[in-house]
Protein backbone atom coordinates (compact mmCIF):
# COMPACT_ATOMS: atom_id res chain seq x y z
CA MET A 1 -4.40 -41.90 -24.06
CA SER A 2 -2.52 -38.97 -26.09
CA THR A 3 -1.24 -40.37 -29.42
CA GLY A 4 0.65 -36.97 -30.12
CA ASN A 5 4.43 -37.13 -30.91
CA PRO A 6 6.43 -35.48 -27.96
CA SER A 7 8.98 -34.19 -30.65
CA GLU A 8 6.34 -31.88 -32.03
CA GLU A 9 4.67 -30.67 -28.62
CA ALA A 10 8.81 -29.43 -28.40
CA PRO A 11 8.73 -26.95 -30.95
CA ALA A 12 5.43 -25.42 -29.42
CA ARG A 13 7.04 -24.78 -26.46
CA THR A 14 10.03 -23.85 -27.62
CA LYS A 15 8.17 -21.12 -29.69
CA ARG A 16 6.07 -19.95 -26.55
CA ALA A 17 9.15 -19.19 -24.49
CA ASP A 18 10.51 -17.22 -27.17
CA ALA A 19 7.65 -15.25 -27.56
CA LEU A 20 7.25 -14.93 -24.03
CA ARG A 21 10.97 -13.69 -23.76
CA ASN A 22 10.14 -11.47 -26.51
CA GLN A 23 7.50 -9.90 -25.22
CA GLN A 24 9.54 -9.32 -21.93
CA THR A 25 12.40 -7.71 -23.87
CA LEU A 26 9.61 -5.57 -25.65
CA LEU A 27 8.53 -4.31 -22.09
CA ALA A 28 11.78 -3.85 -20.91
CA ALA A 29 12.30 -1.54 -23.76
CA ALA A 30 9.00 0.21 -23.65
CA ALA A 31 9.83 0.57 -19.89
CA ALA A 32 13.05 2.31 -20.12
CA VAL A 33 11.70 4.84 -23.27
CA PHE A 34 8.70 5.65 -20.95
CA VAL A 35 11.26 6.51 -18.11
CA THR A 36 13.46 8.93 -20.29
CA SER A 37 10.67 10.26 -22.65
CA GLY A 38 7.40 9.58 -21.15
CA VAL A 39 4.26 7.65 -21.93
CA ASP A 40 3.50 9.66 -25.44
CA ALA A 41 7.31 8.54 -26.45
CA PRO A 42 6.82 7.36 -30.29
CA ILE A 43 6.18 3.70 -30.76
CA ARG A 44 9.32 3.94 -33.19
CA GLU A 45 11.72 4.80 -30.53
CA ILE A 46 10.11 1.82 -28.40
CA ALA A 47 10.94 -0.69 -31.38
CA ALA A 48 14.38 0.44 -32.09
CA ARG A 49 15.27 0.31 -28.55
CA ALA A 50 13.94 -3.44 -28.56
CA GLY A 51 15.37 -4.22 -31.60
CA VAL A 52 12.06 -5.13 -33.61
CA GLY A 53 9.79 -3.59 -35.94
CA MET A 54 6.58 -1.70 -35.23
CA GLY A 55 4.05 -4.20 -36.81
CA THR A 56 5.81 -6.55 -33.83
CA ILE A 57 4.83 -3.90 -31.41
CA TYR A 58 1.10 -3.42 -32.50
CA ARG A 59 0.89 -7.03 -32.72
CA HIS A 60 1.59 -7.43 -29.14
CA PHE A 61 -0.30 -4.31 -28.13
CA PRO A 62 -2.82 -2.86 -30.52
CA THR A 63 -2.93 0.34 -28.54
CA ARG A 64 -0.88 2.64 -26.42
CA ALA A 65 -2.82 1.63 -23.40
CA ASP A 66 -2.49 -1.97 -23.90
CA LEU A 67 1.56 -1.57 -24.22
CA VAL A 68 1.43 1.17 -21.13
CA VAL A 69 -0.57 -1.17 -19.01
CA ALA A 70 1.62 -3.99 -19.91
CA VAL A 71 4.85 -2.03 -19.00
CA TYR A 72 3.24 -1.13 -15.70
CA ARG A 73 2.30 -4.59 -14.72
CA HIS A 74 5.81 -5.79 -16.07
CA GLN A 75 7.33 -3.44 -13.69
CA VAL A 76 5.36 -4.02 -10.28
CA GLU A 77 6.11 -7.44 -11.14
CA ALA A 78 9.98 -6.88 -11.07
CA CYS A 79 9.82 -4.63 -8.00
CA ALA A 80 8.05 -7.25 -6.25
CA GLU A 81 10.60 -10.22 -7.72
CA ALA A 82 13.50 -7.89 -6.41
CA GLY A 83 12.89 -7.35 -2.94
CA PRO A 84 13.81 -10.86 -1.82
CA SER A 85 16.68 -11.26 -4.53
CA LEU A 86 18.11 -7.36 -3.06
CA LEU A 87 17.75 -8.91 0.64
CA ALA A 88 19.53 -11.87 0.23
CA ASP A 89 22.65 -10.62 -2.01
CA ALA A 90 23.12 -6.56 -0.67
CA ASP A 91 25.65 -6.11 1.84
CA SER A 92 22.77 -5.04 4.13
CA PRO A 93 18.87 -5.05 4.41
CA LEU A 94 19.31 -0.81 4.13
CA ALA A 95 21.29 -1.34 1.19
CA ALA A 96 18.91 -3.54 -0.39
CA LEU A 97 15.79 -1.27 0.63
CA ARG A 98 17.97 1.49 -1.01
CA GLU A 99 18.42 -0.64 -4.19
CA TRP A 100 14.72 -1.64 -4.19
CA VAL A 101 13.65 2.25 -3.70
CA ASP A 102 15.44 3.29 -6.80
CA LEU A 103 13.98 0.48 -8.53
CA PHE A 104 10.17 1.70 -7.24
CA VAL A 105 11.40 5.52 -8.31
CA ASP A 106 12.02 4.33 -12.19
CA PHE A 107 8.78 2.60 -11.64
CA LEU A 108 6.77 5.64 -10.09
CA VAL A 109 8.40 7.72 -13.13
CA THR A 110 6.70 5.48 -15.52
CA LYS A 111 3.58 5.00 -13.74
CA HIS A 112 2.54 8.77 -13.91
CA GLY A 113 1.42 8.80 -17.71
CA LEU A 114 -0.76 5.97 -16.98
CA ALA A 115 -4.16 7.57 -15.94
CA ASN A 116 -3.91 9.82 -19.34
CA ALA A 117 -3.00 6.89 -21.42
CA MET A 118 -6.15 4.92 -20.07
CA GLN A 119 -8.13 8.11 -20.58
CA SER A 120 -11.86 6.99 -19.41
CA ASP A 121 -11.03 3.50 -18.15
CA SER A 122 -10.94 4.76 -14.25
CA GLY A 123 -11.86 1.23 -13.24
CA GLY A 124 -9.07 -0.29 -15.07
CA PHE A 125 -6.64 2.30 -13.39
CA GLU A 126 -8.26 1.21 -9.75
CA ALA A 127 -7.48 -2.34 -10.34
CA LEU A 128 -4.28 -1.51 -11.55
CA HIS A 129 -3.72 0.76 -8.56
CA SER A 130 -5.09 -2.48 -6.32
CA TYR A 131 -2.74 -5.01 -7.77
CA PHE A 132 0.36 -2.41 -7.38
CA LEU A 133 -0.65 -2.18 -3.56
CA ASP A 134 -1.31 -5.88 -2.99
CA ARG A 135 2.17 -6.79 -4.93
CA LEU A 136 4.17 -4.15 -3.27
CA VAL A 137 3.49 -3.30 -0.06
CA PRO A 138 4.32 -6.73 1.51
CA VAL A 139 7.94 -6.48 -0.52
CA CYS A 140 8.59 -2.71 1.05
CA ALA A 141 7.33 -4.08 4.66
CA GLN A 142 9.93 -6.90 4.38
CA LEU A 143 12.81 -4.88 3.53
CA LEU A 144 11.82 -2.22 6.14
CA ASP A 145 11.45 -4.85 8.57
CA ALA A 146 15.02 -6.60 7.94
CA ALA A 147 16.47 -3.03 8.04
CA VAL A 148 14.80 -2.17 11.78
CA ASP A 149 15.55 -6.00 12.97
CA ALA A 150 19.20 -5.52 11.96
CA GLY A 151 19.33 -1.94 13.70
CA GLU A 152 19.87 -0.20 10.81
CA ILE A 153 16.50 2.35 10.73
CA ARG A 154 14.09 3.58 13.41
CA PRO A 155 11.08 1.22 13.97
CA GLY A 156 7.71 2.60 13.19
CA THR A 157 7.85 3.20 9.64
CA GLN A 158 5.14 1.66 7.95
CA ALA A 159 5.39 0.25 3.84
CA TYR A 160 2.20 1.88 2.46
CA GLU A 161 3.33 5.61 3.94
CA LEU A 162 6.95 5.20 2.75
CA MET A 163 5.72 3.94 -0.48
CA ARG A 164 3.20 7.06 -0.76
CA GLY A 165 6.23 9.50 0.46
CA ILE A 166 8.33 8.53 -2.08
CA GLY A 167 5.52 8.83 -4.97
CA ASN A 168 4.47 12.24 -3.60
CA LEU A 169 7.93 13.33 -4.05
CA CYS A 170 8.14 11.99 -7.49
CA VAL A 171 5.10 14.16 -8.97
CA GLY A 172 7.26 16.99 -9.94
CA ARG A 173 9.42 15.30 -12.20
CA ASP A 174 7.15 15.68 -15.48
CA SER A 175 6.39 19.13 -15.51
CA ASP A 176 9.99 20.56 -14.34
CA PRO A 177 13.13 18.40 -15.78
CA ARG A 178 15.40 20.69 -13.29
CA TYR A 179 13.54 18.43 -10.48
CA ASP A 180 15.50 15.33 -9.65
CA PRO A 181 13.19 13.35 -6.84
CA ARG A 182 16.12 10.81 -6.58
CA ARG A 183 17.90 13.66 -3.95
CA LEU A 184 14.84 14.05 -2.00
CA VAL A 185 13.88 10.18 -1.84
CA ASP A 186 17.61 10.07 -0.84
CA LEU A 187 16.95 12.65 1.98
CA LEU A 188 13.87 10.84 3.10
CA LEU A 189 15.74 7.18 3.43
CA ARG A 190 18.40 9.20 5.48
CA GLY A 191 15.76 10.32 7.95
CA LEU A 192 14.61 6.71 8.70
CA ARG A 193 18.62 5.65 9.98
CA ARG A 194 19.13 5.11 13.48
CA PRO A 195 21.45 7.68 14.49
CA GLN A 196 24.71 5.04 14.47
CA ALA A 197 23.88 3.32 10.87
CA SER A 198 26.08 4.88 8.32
């Protein structure tokens, strides 16, 4: 039987919720900085964007690799959770697929520096890649199936191959600022459409 005072437990829960919210804000800020400046961006740039001190970042993520992995997982979850929401709210399944692919491209741009940030931890990188596939392939498949069922795209495209194709189109962005993968990703998505779909 607990003799604890319920009013003492509520502040602890609130503090944990605040800490989690702060961490999510920090991860969103880091993801945005990584998209524009790469995973080697200065920690002070991330701290400024998140509105926190650098010590706060190091308290949550002692190394850059810890931060990059946390951002990676945060973005995987954001992409996974976005799929069903987009499907429910968008004008059409194809519109939902396009919006989801946009999020996926942002994620891929961040992901490219992951292997370098993790350096020798190839096992950790492989585990993250498996996590990525387990979470995102079913979401992409759901969006593709809905667009096929709505008659907006041709059947036959597998989620993994679409995601792999988008990933391959995103590869050159890091080394060539003139290259915009979104233009080619848009062409790829146009190629999926049925002739009558707009």
